[in-house]
Amino acid sequence: MRKVTCRDELLIATRSIIYAKGDNRFTIKEAIEYMERNNTTYAESTISTHLTSRCCSNAKKHHAVTYNDYEALGNGVYKLINL
């Protein structure tokens, strides 16, 4: 059985946030709070790094493995690229 990664949890969280709001925009704070309410095992810093760097299509590449899940819109707001 495969371990659920931070990326997996973050995708679930952001999709849930987007569907609840009816808007494909969310903040890091919303994602972290959602994951914490759902008992994530990941630290706030890990979640933040995944959203702002590892999984963000328009972030500078600082990691060996990156994903194009999100796009930074500015002012700490992000959108999910593939709903």
PDB file of N, CA and C in Angstrom:
ATOM      1  N   MET A   1       0.841  -1.182   0.000  1.00  0.00           N
ATOM      2  CA  MET A   1       0.000   0.000   0.000  1.00  0.00           C
ATOM      3  C   MET A   1       0.884   1.242   0.000  1.00  0.00           C
ATOM      4  N   ARG A   2       0.597   2.172  -0.874  1.00  0.00           N
ATOM      5  CA  ARG A   2       1.381   3.391  -1.032  1.00  0.00           C
ATOM      6  C   ARG A   2       1.021   4.405   0.041  1.00  0.00           C
ATOM      7  N   LYS A   3       2.049   5.037   0.607  1.00  0.00           N
ATOM      8  CA  LYS A   3       1.852   6.093   1.609  1.00  0.00           C
ATOM      9  C   LYS A   3       1.268   7.330   0.934  1.00  0.00           C
ATOM     10  N   VAL A   4       0.325   7.975   1.583  1.00  0.00           N
ATOM     11  CA  VAL A   4      -0.241   9.219   1.068  1.00  0.00           C
ATOM     12  C   VAL A   4       0.798  10.317   1.281  1.00  0.00           C
ATOM     13  N   THR A   5       1.167  10.969   0.206  1.00  0.00           N
ATOM     14  CA  THR A   5       2.203  12.003   0.269  1.00  0.00           C
ATOM     15  C   THR A   5       1.591  13.361   0.616  1.00  0.00           C
ATOM     16  N   CYS A   6       2.460  14.301   0.919  1.00  0.00           N
ATOM     17  CA  CYS A   6       2.002  15.665   1.168  1.00  0.00           C
ATOM     18  C   CYS A   6       1.324  16.206  -0.087  1.00  0.00           C
ATOM     19  N   ARG A   7       1.886  15.912  -1.244  1.00  0.00           N
ATOM     20  CA  ARG A   7       1.277  16.358  -2.499  1.00  0.00           C
ATOM     21  C   ARG A   7      -0.134  15.795  -2.647  1.00  0.00           C
ATOM     22  N   ASP A   8      -0.321  14.497  -2.340  1.00  0.00           N
ATOM     23  CA  ASP A   8      -1.641  13.874  -2.415  1.00  0.00           C
ATOM     24  C   ASP A   8      -2.638  14.613  -1.520  1.00  0.00           C
ATOM     25  N   GLU A   9      -2.247  14.832  -0.269  1.00  0.00           N
ATOM     26  CA  GLU A   9      -3.130  15.514   0.686  1.00  0.00           C
ATOM     27  C   GLU A   9      -3.421  16.941   0.250  1.00  0.00           C
ATOM     28  N   LEU A  10      -2.410  17.618  -0.272  1.00  0.00           N
ATOM     29  CA  LEU A  10      -2.573  19.004  -0.708  1.00  0.00           C
ATOM     30  C   LEU A  10      -3.545  19.093  -1.884  1.00  0.00           C
ATOM     31  N   LEU A  11      -3.465  18.159  -2.809  1.00  0.00           N
ATOM     32  CA  LEU A  11      -4.400  18.147  -3.933  1.00  0.00           C
ATOM     33  C   LEU A  11      -5.836  17.919  -3.460  1.00  0.00           C
ATOM     34  N   ILE A  12      -6.014  17.020  -2.520  1.00  0.00           N
ATOM     35  CA  ILE A  12      -7.348  16.777  -1.957  1.00  0.00           C
ATOM     36  C   ILE A  12      -7.860  18.048  -1.279  1.00  0.00           C
ATOM     37  N   ALA A  13      -6.997  18.657  -0.479  1.00  0.00           N
ATOM     38  CA  ALA A  13      -7.378  19.868   0.255  1.00  0.00           C
ATOM     39  C   ALA A  13      -7.759  21.004  -0.695  1.00  0.00           C
ATOM     40  N   THR A  14      -6.922  21.263  -1.672  1.00  0.00           N
ATOM     41  CA  THR A  14      -7.185  22.399  -2.547  1.00  0.00           C
ATOM     42  C   THR A  14      -8.413  22.168  -3.429  1.00  0.00           C
ATOM     43  N   ARG A  15      -8.619  20.948  -3.872  1.00  0.00           N
ATOM     44  CA  ARG A  15      -9.842  20.660  -4.639  1.00  0.00           C
ATOM     45  C   ARG A  15     -11.080  20.890  -3.777  1.00  0.00           C
ATOM     46  N   SER A  16     -11.026  20.452  -2.538  1.00  0.00           N
ATOM     47  CA  SER A  16     -12.153  20.640  -1.627  1.00  0.00           C
ATOM     48  C   SER A  16     -12.429  22.115  -1.377  1.00  0.00           C
ATOM     49  N   ILE A  17     -11.381  22.884  -1.182  1.00  0.00           N
ATOM     50  CA  ILE A  17     -11.519  24.324  -0.955  1.00  0.00           C
ATOM     51  C   ILE A  17     -12.143  24.991  -2.176  1.00  0.00           C
ATOM     52  N   ILE A  18     -11.620  24.668  -3.340  1.00  0.00           N
ATOM     53  CA  ILE A  18     -12.107  25.253  -4.594  1.00  0.00           C
ATOM     54  C   ILE A  18     -13.575  24.927  -4.824  1.00  0.00           C
ATOM     55  N   TYR A  19     -13.945  23.672  -4.648  1.00  0.00           N
ATOM     56  CA  TYR A  19     -15.338  23.279  -4.867  1.00  0.00           C
ATOM     57  C   TYR A  19     -16.269  23.942  -3.866  1.00  0.00           C
ATOM     58  N   ALA A  20     -15.836  24.047  -2.601  1.00  0.00           N
ATOM     59  CA  ALA A  20     -16.671  24.675  -1.571  1.00  0.00           C
ATOM     60  C   ALA A  20     -16.872  26.171  -1.862  1.00  0.00           C
ATOM     61  N   LYS A  21     -15.822  26.837  -2.347  1.00  0.00           N
ATOM     62  CA  LYS A  21     -15.903  28.271  -2.630  1.00  0.00           C
ATOM     63  C   LYS A  21     -16.535  28.566  -3.983  1.00  0.00           C
ATOM     64  N   GLY A  22     -16.436  27.618  -4.896  1.00  0.00           N
ATOM     65  CA  GLY A  22     -16.901  27.863  -6.255  1.00  0.00           C
ATOM     66  C   GLY A  22     -15.976  28.802  -7.009  1.00  0.00           C
ATOM     67  N   ASP A  23     -14.709  28.823  -6.605  1.00  0.00           N
ATOM     68  CA  ASP A  23     -13.729  29.733  -7.198  1.00  0.00           C
ATOM     69  C   ASP A  23     -12.367  29.035  -7.163  1.00  0.00           C
ATOM     70  N   ASN A  24     -11.677  29.028  -8.280  1.00  0.00           N
ATOM     71  CA  ASN A  24     -10.376  28.364  -8.368  1.00  0.00           C
ATOM     72  C   ASN A  24      -9.251  29.279  -7.884  1.00  0.00           C
ATOM     73  N   ARG A  25      -9.423  29.805  -6.686  1.00  0.00           N
ATOM     74  CA  ARG A  25      -8.382  30.591  -6.030  1.00  0.00           C
ATOM     75  C   ARG A  25      -8.393  30.266  -4.543  1.00  0.00           C
ATOM     76  N   PHE A  26      -7.200  30.147  -3.971  1.00  0.00           N
ATOM     77  CA  PHE A  26      -7.096  29.842  -2.543  1.00  0.00           C
ATOM     78  C   PHE A  26      -5.754  30.337  -2.038  1.00  0.00           C
ATOM     79  N   THR A  27      -5.621  30.412  -0.726  1.00  0.00           N
ATOM     80  CA  THR A  27      -4.374  30.868  -0.107  1.00  0.00           C
ATOM     81  C   THR A  27      -3.665  29.705   0.562  1.00  0.00           C
ATOM     82  N   ILE A  28      -2.402  29.922   0.860  1.00  0.00           N
ATOM     83  CA  ILE A  28      -1.627  28.918   1.604  1.00  0.00           C
ATOM     84  C   ILE A  28      -2.308  28.656   2.941  1.00  0.00           C
ATOM     85  N   LYS A  29      -2.749  29.719   3.588  1.00  0.00           N
ATOM     86  CA  LYS A  29      -3.400  29.594   4.896  1.00  0.00           C
ATOM     87  C   LYS A  29      -4.621  28.687   4.815  1.00  0.00           C
ATOM     88  N   GLU A  30      -5.449  28.855   3.781  1.00  0.00           N
ATOM     89  CA  GLU A  30      -6.628  28.002   3.628  1.00  0.00           C
ATOM     90  C   GLU A  30      -6.232  26.536   3.468  1.00  0.00           C
ATOM     91  N   ALA A  31      -5.194  26.281   2.679  1.00  0.00           N
ATOM     92  CA  ALA A  31      -4.748  24.904   2.452  1.00  0.00           C
ATOM     93  C   ALA A  31      -4.212  24.283   3.743  1.00  0.00           C
ATOM     94  N   ILE A  32      -3.390  25.027   4.453  1.00  0.00           N
ATOM     95  CA  ILE A  32      -2.816  24.513   5.708  1.00  0.00           C
ATOM     96  C   ILE A  32      -3.913  24.258   6.738  1.00  0.00           C
ATOM     97  N   GLU A  33      -4.830  25.201   6.901  1.00  0.00           N
ATOM     98  CA  GLU A  33      -5.917  25.028   7.873  1.00  0.00           C
ATOM     99  C   GLU A  33      -6.789  23.827   7.519  1.00  0.00           C
ATOM    100  N   TYR A  34      -7.077  23.631   6.251  1.00  0.00           N
ATOM    101  CA  TYR A  34      -7.868  22.479   5.821  1.00  0.00           C
ATOM    102  C   TYR A  34      -7.141  21.183   6.182  1.00  0.00           C
ATOM    103  N   MET A  35      -5.862  21.110   5.857  1.00  0.00           N
ATOM    104  CA  MET A  35      -5.105  19.888   6.126  1.00  0.00           C
ATOM    105  C   MET A  35      -4.987  19.628   7.631  1.00  0.00           C
ATOM    106  N   GLU A  36      -4.797  20.678   8.418  1.00  0.00           N
ATOM    107  CA  GLU A  36      -4.724  20.512   9.875  1.00  0.00           C
ATOM    108  C   GLU A  36      -6.056  20.036  10.447  1.00  0.00           C
ATOM    109  N   ARG A  37      -7.175  20.581   9.940  1.00  0.00           N
ATOM    110  CA  ARG A  37      -8.500  20.123  10.401  1.00  0.00           C
ATOM    111  C   ARG A  37      -8.727  18.646  10.064  1.00  0.00           C
ATOM    112  N   ASN A  38      -8.063  18.168   9.035  1.00  0.00           N
ATOM    113  CA  ASN A  38      -8.213  16.785   8.609  1.00  0.00           C
ATOM    114  C   ASN A  38      -7.048  15.911   9.065  1.00  0.00           C
ATOM    115  N   ASN A  39      -6.388  16.364  10.127  1.00  0.00           N
ATOM    116  CA  ASN A  39      -5.368  15.586  10.836  1.00  0.00           C
ATOM    117  C   ASN A  39      -4.170  15.184   9.993  1.00  0.00           C
ATOM    118  N   THR A  40      -3.663  16.110   9.222  1.00  0.00           N
ATOM    119  CA  THR A  40      -2.454  15.827   8.456  1.00  0.00           C
ATOM    120  C   THR A  40      -1.293  15.511   9.385  1.00  0.00           C
ATOM    121  N   THR A  41      -0.367  14.737   8.897  1.00  0.00           N
ATOM    122  CA  THR A  41       0.850  14.455   9.654  1.00  0.00           C
ATOM    123  C   THR A  41       1.991  15.362   9.194  1.00  0.00           C
ATOM    124  N   TYR A  42       1.731  16.181   8.195  1.00  0.00           N
ATOM    125  CA  TYR A  42       2.771  17.031   7.619  1.00  0.00           C
ATOM    126  C   TYR A  42       2.844  18.383   8.326  1.00  0.00           C
ATOM    127  N   ALA A  43       4.062  18.856   8.508  1.00  0.00           N
ATOM    128  CA  ALA A  43       4.302  20.154   9.149  1.00  0.00           C
ATOM    129  C   ALA A  43       3.860  21.285   8.230  1.00  0.00           C
ATOM    130  N   GLU A  44       3.508  22.390   8.837  1.00  0.00           N
ATOM    131  CA  GLU A  44       3.108  23.581   8.083  1.00  0.00           C
ATOM    132  C   GLU A  44       4.178  23.961   7.057  1.00  0.00           C
ATOM    133  N   SER A  45       5.444  23.864   7.440  1.00  0.00           N
ATOM    134  CA  SER A  45       6.538  24.221   6.533  1.00  0.00           C
ATOM    135  C   SER A  45       6.610  23.287   5.328  1.00  0.00           C
ATOM    136  N   THR A  46       6.314  22.019   5.524  1.00  0.00           N
ATOM    137  CA  THR A  46       6.313  21.059   4.419  1.00  0.00           C
ATOM    138  C   THR A  46       5.182  21.354   3.448  1.00  0.00           C
ATOM    139  N   ILE A  47       4.010  21.636   3.988  1.00  0.00           N
ATOM    140  CA  ILE A  47       2.851  21.974   3.153  1.00  0.00           C
ATOM    141  C   ILE A  47       3.145  23.229   2.348  1.00  0.00           C
ATOM    142  N   SER A  48       3.673  24.237   3.017  1.00  0.00           N
ATOM    143  CA  SER A  48       3.987  25.507   2.372  1.00  0.00           C
ATOM    144  C   SER A  48       5.018  25.316   1.256  1.00  0.00           C
ATOM    145  N   THR A  49       6.052  24.538   1.513  1.00  0.00           N
ATOM    146  CA  THR A  49       7.086  24.275   0.505  1.00  0.00           C
ATOM    147  C   THR A  49       6.497  23.576  -0.714  1.00  0.00           C
ATOM    148  N   HIS A  50       5.622  22.616  -0.480  1.00  0.00           N
ATOM    149  CA  HIS A  50       5.003  21.915  -1.604  1.00  0.00           C
ATOM    150  C   HIS A  50       4.172  22.878  -2.455  1.00  0.00           C
ATOM    151  N   LEU A  51       3.372  23.685  -1.815  1.00  0.00           N
ATOM    152  CA  LEU A  51       2.496  24.584  -2.563  1.00  0.00           C
ATOM    153  C   LEU A  51       3.276  25.683  -3.274  1.00  0.00           C
ATOM    154  N   THR A  52       4.201  26.310  -2.594  1.00  0.00           N
ATOM    155  CA  THR A  52       4.880  27.482  -3.150  1.00  0.00           C
ATOM    156  C   THR A  52       6.060  27.160  -4.044  1.00  0.00           C
ATOM    157  N   SER A  53       6.598  25.949  -3.950  1.00  0.00           N
ATOM    158  CA  SER A  53       7.815  25.641  -4.691  1.00  0.00           C
ATOM    159  C   SER A  53       7.740  24.321  -5.458  1.00  0.00           C
ATOM    160  N   ARG A  54       7.650  23.227  -4.759  1.00  0.00           N
ATOM    161  CA  ARG A  54       7.724  21.902  -5.388  1.00  0.00           C
ATOM    162  C   ARG A  54       6.593  21.646  -6.383  1.00  0.00           C
ATOM    163  N   CYS A  55       5.402  22.145  -6.129  1.00  0.00           N
ATOM    164  CA  CYS A  55       4.236  21.854  -6.977  1.00  0.00           C
ATOM    165  C   CYS A  55       3.721  23.069  -7.740  1.00  0.00           C
ATOM    166  N   CYS A  56       4.471  24.144  -7.737  1.00  0.00           N
ATOM    167  CA  CYS A  56       4.018  25.390  -8.380  1.00  0.00           C
ATOM    168  C   CYS A  56       4.700  25.563  -9.738  1.00  0.00           C
ATOM    169  N   SER A  57       3.907  25.661 -10.769  1.00  0.00           N
ATOM    170  CA  SER A  57       4.430  25.698 -12.134  1.00  0.00           C
ATOM    171  C   SER A  57       5.283  26.925 -12.437  1.00  0.00           C
ATOM    172  N   ASN A  58       4.989  28.046 -11.809  1.00  0.00           N
ATOM    173  CA  ASN A  58       5.746  29.257 -12.130  1.00  0.00           C
ATOM    174  C   ASN A  58       6.718  29.671 -11.016  1.00  0.00           C
ATOM    175  N   ALA A  59       7.106  28.699 -10.183  1.00  0.00           N
ATOM    176  CA  ALA A  59       8.127  28.945  -9.165  1.00  0.00           C
ATOM    177  C   ALA A  59       9.493  28.548  -9.723  1.00  0.00           C
ATOM    178  N   LYS A  60      10.541  29.153  -9.191  1.00  0.00           N
ATOM    179  CA  LYS A  60      11.891  28.738  -9.561  1.00  0.00           C
ATOM    180  C   LYS A  60      12.079  27.297  -9.112  1.00  0.00           C
ATOM    181  N   LYS A  61      12.786  26.536  -9.914  1.00  0.00           N
ATOM    182  CA  LYS A  61      12.976  25.110  -9.631  1.00  0.00           C
ATOM    183  C   LYS A  61      14.153  24.921  -8.676  1.00  0.00           C
ATOM    184  N   HIS A  62      13.831  24.560  -7.417  1.00  0.00           N
ATOM    185  CA  HIS A  62      14.840  24.331  -6.389  1.00  0.00           C
ATOM    186  C   HIS A  62      14.885  22.871  -5.967  1.00  0.00           C
ATOM    187  N   HIS A  63      14.079  22.029  -6.587  1.00  0.00           N
ATOM    188  CA  HIS A  63      13.972  20.630  -6.181  1.00  0.00           C
ATOM    189  C   HIS A  63      14.240  19.731  -7.377  1.00  0.00           C
ATOM    190  N   ALA A  64      14.764  18.541  -7.096  1.00  0.00           N
ATOM    191  CA  ALA A  64      15.052  17.583  -8.173  1.00  0.00           C
ATOM    192  C   ALA A  64      13.770  17.128  -8.855  1.00  0.00           C
ATOM    193  N   VAL A  65      12.718  16.966  -8.073  1.00  0.00           N
ATOM    194  CA  VAL A  65      11.426  16.547  -8.617  1.00  0.00           C
ATOM    195  C   VAL A  65      10.422  17.666  -8.365  1.00  0.00           C
ATOM    196  N   THR A  66       9.767  18.129  -9.428  1.00  0.00           N
ATOM    197  CA  THR A  66       8.752  19.165  -9.294  1.00  0.00           C
ATOM    198  C   THR A  66       7.489  18.751 -10.050  1.00  0.00           C
ATOM    199  N   TYR A  67       6.390  19.427  -9.735  1.00  0.00           N
ATOM    200  CA  TYR A  67       5.098  19.141 -10.352  1.00  0.00           C
ATOM    201  C   TYR A  67       4.452  20.458 -10.773  1.00  0.00           C
ATOM    202  N   ASN A  68       3.609  20.393 -11.761  1.00  0.00           N
ATOM    203  CA  ASN A  68       2.906  21.579 -12.242  1.00  0.00           C
ATOM    204  C   ASN A  68       1.432  21.524 -11.844  1.00  0.00           C
ATOM    205  N   ASP A  69       1.193  21.445 -10.536  1.00  0.00           N
ATOM    206  CA  ASP A  69      -0.171  21.341 -10.022  1.00  0.00           C
ATOM    207  C   ASP A  69      -0.828  22.706  -9.834  1.00  0.00           C
ATOM    208  N   TYR A  70      -0.033  23.701  -9.460  1.00  0.00           N
ATOM    209  CA  TYR A  70      -0.566  25.005  -9.081  1.00  0.00           C
ATOM    210  C   TYR A  70       0.126  26.122  -9.845  1.00  0.00           C
ATOM    211  N   GLU A  71      -0.543  27.264  -9.872  1.00  0.00           N
ATOM    212  CA  GLU A  71       0.050  28.474 -10.434  1.00  0.00           C
ATOM    213  C   GLU A  71      -0.122  29.591  -9.420  1.00  0.00           C
ATOM    214  N   ALA A  72       0.971  30.290  -9.135  1.00  0.00           N
ATOM    215  CA  ALA A  72       0.907  31.443  -8.238  1.00  0.00           C
ATOM    216  C   ALA A  72       0.296  32.611  -8.989  1.00  0.00           C
ATOM    217  N   LEU A  73      -0.730  33.224  -8.377  1.00  0.00           N
ATOM    218  CA  LEU A  73      -1.407  34.357  -8.994  1.00  0.00           C
ATOM    219  C   LEU A  73      -0.930  35.690  -8.428  1.00  0.00           C
ATOM    220  N   GLY A  74      -0.200  35.633  -7.316  1.00  0.00           N
ATOM    221  CA  GLY A  74       0.299  36.844  -6.656  1.00  0.00           C
ATOM    222  C   GLY A  74      -0.377  37.055  -5.322  1.00  0.00           C
ATOM    223  N   ASN A  75       0.304  37.768  -4.438  1.00  0.00           N
ATOM    224  CA  ASN A  75      -0.223  38.082  -3.100  1.00  0.00           C
ATOM    225  C   ASN A  75      -0.629  36.846  -2.313  1.00  0.00           C
ATOM    226  N   GLY A  76       0.121  35.745  -2.460  1.00  0.00           N
ATOM    227  CA  GLY A  76      -0.155  34.532  -1.702  1.00  0.00           C
ATOM    228  C   GLY A  76      -1.371  33.759  -2.164  1.00  0.00           C
ATOM    229  N   VAL A  77      -1.859  34.062  -3.357  1.00  0.00           N
ATOM    230  CA  VAL A  77      -3.032  33.383  -3.908  1.00  0.00           C
ATOM    231  C   VAL A  77      -2.569  32.429  -5.009  1.00  0.00           C
ATOM    232  N   TYR A  78      -3.168  31.245  -5.023  1.00  0.00           N
ATOM    233  CA  TYR A  78      -2.814  30.203  -5.987  1.00  0.00           C
ATOM    234  C   TYR A  78      -4.070  29.674  -6.648  1.00  0.00           C
ATOM    235  N   LYS A  79      -3.865  28.986  -7.792  1.00  0.00           N
ATOM    236  CA  LYS A  79      -4.961  28.286  -8.428  1.00  0.00           C
ATOM    237  C   LYS A  79      -4.478  26.887  -8.814  1.00  0.00           C
ATOM    238  N   LEU A  80      -5.402  25.967  -8.845  1.00  0.00           N
ATOM    239  CA  LEU A  80      -5.130  24.601  -9.276  1.00  0.00           C
ATOM    240  C   LEU A  80      -5.174  24.593 -10.794  1.00  0.00           C
ATOM    241  N   ILE A  81      -4.147  24.040 -11.428  1.00  0.00           N
ATOM    242  CA  ILE A  81      -4.072  24.057 -12.885  1.00  0.00           C
ATOM    243  C   ILE A  81      -5.029  23.059 -13.511  1.00  0.00           C
ATOM    244  N   ASN A  82      -5.022  21.838 -13.037  1.00  0.00           N
ATOM    245  CA  ASN A  82      -5.911  20.805 -13.608  1.00  0.00           C
ATOM    246  C   ASN A  82      -6.968  20.410 -12.603  1.00  0.00           C
ATOM    247  N   LEU A  83      -8.149  20.945 -12.774  1.00  0.00           N
ATOM    248  CA  LEU A  83      -9.250  20.591 -11.874  1.00  0.00           C
ATOM    249  C   LEU A  83      -9.636  19.165 -12.151  1.00  0.00           C
TER     250      LEU A  83
END
